[in-house]
């Protein structure tokens, strides 16, 4: 009787442990798949060097135009003051 009770308790514990391990294993597998998909999606959004250089050149061109306009504005301001 005592051995049968002990066998039943051990069987239940082993069954519960097996079920928990299987559940955790499948959850780990699911998370691994999600992480791999996320890595693939993030890699699609990386910027290439060519795109970065094109954007920087466009910004630099605009800054040069603004610099030239500011120079003309300052020169006009100084020439107006010198005439007075």
Protein backbone atom coordinates (compact mmCIF):
# COMPACT_ATOMS: atom_id res chain seq x y z
CA UNK A 1 0.00 0.00 0.00
CA UNK A 2 2.76 2.39 0.98
CA UNK A 3 4.75 1.59 -2.17
CA UNK A 4 1.70 2.11 -4.37
CA UNK A 5 1.10 5.56 -2.83
CA UNK A 6 4.76 6.42 -3.28
CA UNK A 7 4.65 5.28 -6.96
CA UNK A 8 1.53 7.38 -7.56
CA UNK A 9 3.09 10.50 -6.02
CA UNK A 10 6.32 10.05 -7.98
CA UNK A 11 4.42 9.42 -11.21
CA UNK A 12 2.38 12.60 -10.71
CA UNK A 13 5.51 14.62 -9.94
CA UNK A 14 7.38 13.25 -12.95
CA UNK A 15 4.33 13.86 -15.17
CA UNK A 16 3.98 17.43 -13.90
CA UNK A 17 7.70 18.07 -14.35
CA UNK A 18 7.60 16.63 -17.88
CA UNK A 19 4.62 18.82 -18.79
CA UNK A 20 6.33 21.96 -17.41
CA UNK A 21 9.56 21.18 -19.30
CA UNK A 22 7.65 20.59 -22.54
CA UNK A 23 5.73 23.84 -22.09
CA UNK A 24 8.90 25.83 -21.38
CA UNK A 25 10.67 24.21 -24.31
CA UNK A 26 7.90 25.15 -26.74
CA UNK A 27 7.80 28.70 -25.31
CA UNK A 28 11.56 29.03 -25.75
CA UNK A 29 11.24 27.82 -29.33
CA UNK A 30 8.49 30.39 -30.00
CA UNK A 31 10.54 33.24 -28.52
CA UNK A 32 13.59 32.19 -30.55
CA UNK A 33 11.54 32.33 -33.75
CA UNK A 34 10.19 35.79 -32.83
CA UNK A 35 13.70 37.08 -32.11
CA UNK A 36 14.96 35.81 -35.46
CA UNK A 37 12.06 37.48 -37.28
CA UNK A 38 12.73 40.72 -35.43
CA UNK A 39 16.39 40.63 -36.45
CA UNK A 40 15.37 40.16 -40.08
CA UNK A 41 12.92 43.07 -39.92
CA UNK A 42 15.43 45.41 -38.27
CA UNK A 43 18.08 44.58 -40.85
CA UNK A 44 15.73 45.72 -43.63
CA UNK A 45 15.64 49.21 -42.12
CA UNK A 46 19.40 49.82 -41.99
CA UNK A 47 20.67 52.80 -43.94
CA UNK A 48 23.40 52.24 -46.50
CA UNK A 49 26.53 54.37 -46.73
CA UNK A 50 25.43 55.71 -50.10
CA UNK A 51 22.14 56.94 -48.64
CA UNK A 52 23.91 58.58 -45.70
CA UNK A 53 26.38 60.35 -47.97
CA UNK A 54 23.60 61.55 -50.27
CA UNK A 55 21.65 62.96 -47.33
CA UNK A 56 24.71 64.65 -45.85
CA UNK A 57 25.61 66.18 -49.22
CA UNK A 58 22.08 67.52 -49.58
CA UNK A 59 22.24 69.09 -46.11
CA UNK A 60 25.67 70.56 -46.79
CA UNK A 61 24.45 72.10 -50.04
CA UNK A 62 21.54 73.75 -48.24
CA UNK A 63 23.89 75.04 -45.52
CA UNK A 64 26.20 76.54 -48.13
CA UNK A 65 23.24 78.35 -49.73
CA UNK A 66 22.18 79.69 -46.33
CA UNK A 67 25.75 80.75 -45.58
CA UNK A 68 25.92 82.67 -48.86
CA UNK A 69 22.60 84.40 -48.10
CA UNK A 70 23.81 85.37 -44.63
CA UNK A 71 27.04 86.75 -46.08
CA UNK A 72 25.07 88.90 -48.54
CA UNK A 73 22.78 90.08 -45.74
CA UNK A 74 25.71 91.04 -43.51
CA UNK A 75 27.50 92.80 -46.39
CA UNK A 76 24.32 94.75 -47.17
CA UNK A 77 23.97 95.72 -43.51
CA UNK A 78 27.58 96.96 -43.33
CA UNK A 79 27.32 98.88 -46.60
CA UNK A 80 24.12 100.59 -45.38
CA UNK A 81 25.83 101.63 -42.15
CA UNK A 82 28.93 102.94 -43.91
CA UNK A 83 26.81 105.13 -46.21
CA UNK A 84 25.18 106.89 -43.24
